[in-house]
């Protein structure tokens, strides 16, 4: 059986680098000038839960509230098709829940019951935002230490740059599209870091192994061979994960829609970055076989052997 021919992944590394730079600059620009559309978890506001007798149409409820002057309203099913959770940035008032209930009752032919009306403070949202950002930075720092200890410093730089690349592009997408950024999306970002890191480590492990066993080959060719050998595993993992995420996007409901969307983007971008970002960084840092060979023992260490 003939050996599979190595694919020239790195032949497109300059185009990939230019694409990544454009995406990152666009994302950063959008984050600076437009910002994220922060959800109620971060900005503070009012939570109202109501119950219908039969299945409720969240789109009709949202339109009804907007027509009656309530702005920045998010409506989603909560637990069942009959239970509805309304999130609004309007400041909490003692009778706000009753006002919303009256509007919904007038627009519906069935009885609507108010389950609860609560206030989410902006101070709590600020703490969540700060702690979430700290969690992301801590995750990147731990990744860099782990990869440097397991592989080599150049690999850790490539891994962290790839992860930062993924996170910035996801944030940029949510900023450009003005899709609500809440705690579920923050959780998805942390999950993307884990997914992308796993893919990057698999590729890095094969690159290290090939550098050690292949002597007469240029670094770019070693990396191309390593990427070719791991391509099947990468595609199978990514496609099966995407099938689950697409199912969540279509039938998972509004409650986890943004979570599934962030993960879907993360899987696509993470697969791309494992090939064209982390490996590209290794070439720019002049990775070589000597970087991955264990250090030679000194004469003193040889003399100290029993």
Protein backbone atom coordinates (compact mmCIF):
# COMPACT_ATOMS: atom_id res chain seq x y z
CA UNK A 1 0.00 0.00 0.00
CA UNK A 2 1.46 3.35 -1.01
CA UNK A 3 2.18 5.95 1.64
CA UNK A 4 -0.13 8.96 1.84
CA UNK A 5 1.42 12.01 0.21
CA UNK A 6 2.13 14.89 2.55
CA UNK A 7 -0.22 17.85 2.06
CA UNK A 8 1.42 21.25 1.70
CA UNK A 9 -0.44 23.00 4.54
CA UNK A 10 2.35 25.46 5.19
CA UNK A 11 2.44 26.50 1.54
CA UNK A 12 -0.57 28.71 2.38
CA UNK A 13 0.83 29.95 5.69
CA UNK A 14 1.27 33.55 4.48
CA UNK A 15 -2.31 33.72 3.19
CA UNK A 16 -3.53 32.18 6.45
CA UNK A 17 -1.48 34.66 8.48
CA UNK A 18 -2.93 37.58 6.52
CA UNK A 19 -6.47 36.22 7.01
CA UNK A 20 -5.91 35.82 10.75
CA UNK A 21 -4.49 39.35 11.06
CA UNK A 22 -7.51 40.81 9.21
CA UNK A 23 -9.97 38.88 11.40
CA UNK A 24 -8.19 39.86 14.62
CA UNK A 25 -7.88 43.55 13.68
CA UNK A 26 -11.54 43.63 12.64
CA UNK A 27 -12.55 41.97 15.91
CA UNK A 28 -10.44 44.31 18.04
CA UNK A 29 -11.74 47.33 16.12
CA UNK A 30 -15.34 46.25 16.69
CA UNK A 31 -14.68 45.61 20.38
CA UNK A 32 -13.13 49.08 20.78
CA UNK A 33 -15.64 51.13 18.80
CA UNK A 34 -18.83 49.10 19.17
CA UNK A 35 -18.25 46.91 22.20
CA UNK A 36 -20.17 43.85 23.31
CA UNK A 37 -23.91 43.77 23.78
CA UNK A 38 -23.75 42.66 27.40
CA UNK A 39 -26.60 40.58 28.73
CA UNK A 40 -28.52 41.04 31.93
CA UNK A 41 -25.95 38.95 33.82
CA UNK A 42 -23.43 41.77 33.38
CA UNK A 43 -25.48 44.96 33.13
CA UNK A 44 -28.15 44.41 35.73
CA UNK A 45 -31.90 44.65 35.19
CA UNK A 46 -35.13 42.78 35.81
CA UNK A 47 -36.07 39.10 35.54
CA UNK A 48 -39.74 38.22 35.18
CA UNK A 49 -41.07 34.65 34.96
CA UNK A 50 -44.61 33.99 33.76
CA UNK A 51 -46.56 30.82 33.06
CA UNK A 52 -49.08 30.16 30.26
CA UNK A 53 -51.73 27.44 30.12
CA UNK A 54 -50.43 26.15 26.78
CA UNK A 55 -47.25 26.50 24.76
CA UNK A 56 -46.18 30.16 24.49
CA UNK A 57 -44.77 31.84 21.40
CA UNK A 58 -41.70 33.76 22.58
CA UNK A 59 -41.48 35.83 19.40
CA UNK A 60 -45.05 37.10 19.81
CA UNK A 61 -44.38 37.90 23.48
CA UNK A 62 -41.24 39.84 22.59
CA UNK A 63 -43.07 41.87 19.94
CA UNK A 64 -45.93 42.59 22.34
CA UNK A 65 -43.54 43.95 24.98
CA UNK A 66 -41.61 46.04 22.45
CA UNK A 67 -44.83 47.55 21.06
CA UNK A 68 -45.75 48.56 24.61
CA UNK A 69 -42.50 50.46 25.09
CA UNK A 70 -40.25 47.91 26.79
CA UNK A 71 -36.77 48.03 25.20
CA UNK A 72 -33.86 45.55 25.18
CA UNK A 73 -36.15 42.65 26.02
CA UNK A 74 -35.07 39.00 25.85
CA UNK A 75 -37.80 36.36 25.98
CA UNK A 76 -37.09 32.63 26.23
CA UNK A 77 -38.67 29.39 27.39
CA UNK A 78 -37.65 28.39 30.89
CA UNK A 79 -37.89 24.69 31.67
CA UNK A 80 -40.98 24.01 29.55
CA UNK A 81 -42.91 25.42 26.60
CA UNK A 82 -45.46 26.97 28.99
CA UNK A 83 -42.96 28.78 31.24
CA UNK A 84 -41.44 31.99 29.90
CA UNK A 85 -38.55 34.04 31.23
CA UNK A 86 -38.46 37.74 30.36
CA UNK A 87 -35.20 39.67 30.78
CA UNK A 88 -35.16 43.45 30.48
CA UNK A 89 -32.60 46.13 31.23
CA UNK A 90 -35.25 48.43 32.64
CA UNK A 91 -34.64 49.27 36.31
CA UNK A 92 -36.67 47.22 38.73
CA UNK A 93 -39.84 48.76 40.20
CA UNK A 94 -42.20 47.29 42.74
CA UNK A 95 -45.07 47.07 40.24
CA UNK A 96 -43.05 46.27 37.10
CA UNK A 97 -43.94 42.58 37.22
CA UNK A 98 -47.65 43.39 37.47
CA UNK A 99 -47.37 45.84 34.55
CA UNK A 100 -45.74 43.24 32.30
CA UNK A 101 -48.29 40.62 33.41
CA UNK A 102 -51.18 42.94 32.48
CA UNK A 103 -49.70 43.60 29.03
CA UNK A 104 -49.29 39.86 28.38
CA UNK A 105 -52.78 39.06 29.65
CA UNK A 106 -54.33 41.67 27.36
CA UNK A 107 -52.46 40.19 24.39
CA UNK A 108 -53.38 36.59 25.19
CA UNK A 109 -56.67 34.69 25.14
CA UNK A 110 -55.60 32.48 28.05
CA UNK A 111 -54.65 33.10 31.66
CA UNK A 112 -51.09 34.20 32.36
CA UNK A 113 -49.63 33.76 35.86
CA UNK A 114 -46.75 35.77 37.31
CA UNK A 115 -44.28 33.40 38.94
CA UNK A 116 -41.60 35.88 40.05
CA UNK A 117 -40.09 39.30 39.40
CA UNK A 118 -36.50 39.86 40.53
CA UNK A 119 -33.80 42.49 40.26
CA UNK A 120 -30.25 41.66 39.13
CA UNK A 121 -27.85 44.34 40.38
CA UNK A 122 -25.19 45.86 38.12
CA UNK A 123 -22.58 45.39 40.86
CA UNK A 124 -23.06 41.63 40.65
CA UNK A 125 -22.72 41.91 36.87
CA UNK A 126 -19.45 43.82 37.18
CA UNK A 127 -18.06 41.17 39.51
CA UNK A 128 -19.08 38.43 37.08
CA UNK A 129 -17.45 40.30 34.20
CA UNK A 130 -14.19 40.88 36.08
CA UNK A 131 -14.02 37.34 37.44
CA UNK A 132 -14.82 35.91 34.01
CA UNK A 133 -12.04 37.93 32.39
CA UNK A 134 -9.64 36.83 35.13
CA UNK A 135 -10.63 33.20 34.53
CA UNK A 136 -9.77 33.56 30.82
CA UNK A 137 -6.36 35.10 31.58
CA UNK A 138 -5.62 32.46 34.20
CA UNK A 139 -6.55 29.69 31.77
CA UNK A 140 -4.15 31.09 29.14
CA UNK A 141 -1.33 31.39 31.71
CA UNK A 142 -1.83 27.81 32.91
CA UNK A 143 -1.88 26.58 29.29
CA UNK A 144 1.41 28.34 28.56
CA UNK A 145 3.10 26.81 31.62
CA UNK A 146 1.73 23.34 30.88
CA UNK A 147 2.74 23.28 27.20
CA UNK A 148 6.19 24.73 27.97
CA UNK A 149 6.76 22.01 30.58
CA UNK A 150 5.46 19.18 28.40
CA UNK A 151 6.94 20.24 25.07
CA UNK A 152 9.08 23.34 24.68
CA UNK A 153 8.76 27.11 25.07
CA UNK A 154 8.15 27.73 21.35
CA UNK A 155 5.24 25.30 21.44
CA UNK A 156 3.72 27.15 24.42
CA UNK A 157 3.90 30.46 22.54
CA UNK A 158 2.19 28.88 19.53
CA UNK A 159 -0.53 27.32 21.70
CA UNK A 160 -1.30 30.54 23.60
CA UNK A 161 -1.31 32.67 20.44
CA UNK A 162 -3.74 30.18 18.84
CA UNK A 163 -6.04 30.31 21.88
CA UNK A 164 -5.96 34.12 22.01
CA UNK A 165 -6.69 34.11 18.26
CA UNK A 166 -9.80 31.96 18.83
CA UNK A 167 -11.12 33.96 21.79
CA UNK A 168 -10.65 37.35 20.08
CA UNK A 169 -12.42 36.21 16.90
CA UNK A 170 -15.40 34.85 18.86
CA UNK A 171 -15.66 38.07 20.86
CA UNK A 172 -15.34 40.06 17.64
CA UNK A 173 -18.14 38.09 15.99
CA UNK A 174 -20.49 38.74 18.93
CA UNK A 175 -19.51 42.41 18.87
CA UNK A 176 -19.98 42.83 15.10
CA UNK A 177 -23.33 41.03 15.06
CA UNK A 178 -24.40 42.66 18.36
CA UNK A 179 -25.46 39.28 19.72
CA UNK A 180 -26.06 39.28 23.45
CA UNK A 181 -23.01 38.28 25.48
CA UNK A 182 -23.99 36.58 28.74
CA UNK A 183 -22.62 34.01 31.16
CA UNK A 184 -23.42 31.11 28.84
CA UNK A 185 -21.20 32.66 26.14
CA UNK A 186 -18.43 33.20 28.71
CA UNK A 187 -18.71 29.51 29.64
CA UNK A 188 -18.49 28.65 25.93
CA UNK A 189 -15.25 30.67 25.63
CA UNK A 190 -13.67 28.63 28.42
CA UNK A 191 -14.89 25.43 26.73
CA UNK A 192 -13.36 26.58 23.42
CA UNK A 193 -10.01 27.06 25.15
CA UNK A 194 -10.13 23.44 26.32
CA UNK A 195 -11.23 22.11 22.93
CA UNK A 196 -8.69 24.09 20.92
CA UNK A 197 -5.89 23.25 23.35
CA UNK A 198 -6.60 19.53 23.02
CA UNK A 199 -6.40 19.76 19.23
CA UNK A 200 -3.21 21.85 19.38
CA UNK A 201 -1.51 19.39 21.76
CA UNK A 202 -2.29 16.44 19.48
CA UNK A 203 -0.64 18.28 16.58
CA UNK A 204 2.29 19.43 18.73
CA UNK A 205 2.91 15.89 19.98
CA UNK A 206 3.13 14.56 16.42
CA UNK A 207 5.41 17.43 15.36
CA UNK A 208 7.76 16.72 18.26
CA UNK A 209 7.80 13.00 17.51
CA UNK A 210 8.54 13.53 13.82
CA UNK A 211 11.31 16.05 14.53
CA UNK A 212 13.02 13.44 16.68
CA UNK A 213 12.74 10.51 14.28
CA UNK A 214 13.13 12.28 10.90
CA UNK A 215 16.66 13.58 10.35
CA UNK A 216 16.92 14.57 6.68
CA UNK A 217 13.94 16.89 6.32
CA UNK A 218 13.35 20.62 6.57
CA UNK A 219 11.19 21.91 9.47
CA UNK A 220 8.41 23.02 7.09
CA UNK A 221 8.26 19.51 5.60
CA UNK A 222 8.21 17.89 9.05
CA UNK A 223 5.28 20.10 10.05
CA UNK A 224 3.44 19.34 6.80
CA UNK A 225 3.86 15.61 7.42
CA UNK A 226 2.68 15.95 11.01
CA UNK A 227 -0.41 17.90 10.00
CA UNK A 228 -1.19 15.36 7.27
CA UNK A 229 -0.93 12.49 9.77
CA UNK A 230 -3.28 14.18 12.27
CA UNK A 231 -5.72 15.55 9.69
CA UNK A 232 -8.06 12.54 9.81
CA UNK A 233 -8.36 12.65 13.58
CA UNK A 234 -8.86 16.43 13.53
CA UNK A 235 -11.64 16.28 10.92
CA UNK A 236 -13.50 13.42 12.61
CA UNK A 237 -13.39 15.16 16.00
CA UNK A 238 -14.44 18.53 14.59
CA UNK A 239 -17.26 17.20 12.40
CA UNK A 240 -18.80 15.03 15.12
CA UNK A 241 -18.65 17.95 17.56
CA UNK A 242 -20.20 20.28 15.00
CA UNK A 243 -23.09 17.87 14.39
CA UNK A 244 -24.01 18.03 18.07
CA UNK A 245 -23.63 21.82 18.21
CA UNK A 246 -25.71 22.37 15.08
CA UNK A 247 -28.45 20.24 16.61
CA UNK A 248 -28.34 22.42 19.73
CA UNK A 249 -28.50 25.55 17.56
CA UNK A 250 -31.58 24.36 15.70
CA UNK A 251 -33.62 22.64 18.41
CA UNK A 252 -31.93 23.57 21.68
CA UNK A 253 -34.05 26.65 22.29
CA UNK A 254 -33.17 30.26 22.95
CA UNK A 255 -31.79 29.55 26.42
CA UNK A 256 -28.64 27.88 25.06
CA UNK A 257 -28.63 29.32 21.54
CA UNK A 258 -25.78 31.78 22.12
CA UNK A 259 -23.79 29.14 24.01
CA UNK A 260 -24.07 26.73 21.07
CA UNK A 261 -23.29 29.52 18.59
CA UNK A 262 -20.09 30.51 20.41
CA UNK A 263 -18.98 26.88 20.59
CA UNK A 264 -19.74 26.31 16.89
CA UNK A 265 -17.59 29.29 15.91
CA UNK A 266 -14.94 28.13 18.38
CA UNK A 267 -14.74 24.62 16.91
CA UNK A 268 -14.35 25.95 13.35
CA UNK A 269 -11.81 28.63 14.28
CA UNK A 270 -10.03 26.32 16.74
CA UNK A 271 -9.52 23.64 14.09
CA UNK A 272 -8.14 26.27 11.73
CA UNK A 273 -5.83 27.76 14.39
CA UNK A 274 -4.41 24.35 15.35
CA UNK A 275 -3.18 24.01 11.77
CA UNK A 276 -2.42 27.51 10.57
CA UNK A 277 -1.70 29.51 13.73
CA UNK A 278 0.20 27.36 16.20
CA UNK A 279 2.21 25.58 13.48
CA UNK A 280 2.84 28.89 11.73
CA UNK A 281 4.22 30.38 14.95
CA UNK A 282 6.65 27.46 15.23
CA UNK A 283 8.06 28.25 11.77
CA UNK A 284 8.34 31.98 12.53
CA UNK A 285 10.27 31.08 15.70
CA UNK A 286 12.63 28.83 13.69
CA UNK A 287 11.75 25.55 15.38
CA UNK A 288 14.37 22.89 14.76
CA UNK A 289 15.21 19.33 15.71
CA UNK A 290 17.81 20.58 18.18
CA UNK A 291 15.10 22.40 20.16
CA UNK A 292 13.36 19.11 20.88
CA UNK A 293 16.29 16.84 21.63
CA UNK A 294 16.90 16.12 25.33
CA UNK A 295 19.91 18.08 26.71
CA UNK A 296 23.20 16.24 26.59
CA UNK A 297 24.64 15.18 29.90
CA UNK A 298 27.78 16.95 31.03
CA UNK A 299 30.97 15.08 31.96
CA UNK A 300 30.27 15.70 35.64
CA UNK A 301 26.79 14.18 35.34
CA UNK A 302 28.26 11.14 33.53
CA UNK A 303 30.89 10.73 36.25
CA UNK A 304 28.23 10.88 38.95
CA UNK A 305 26.34 7.95 37.45
CA UNK A 306 26.52 4.80 39.63
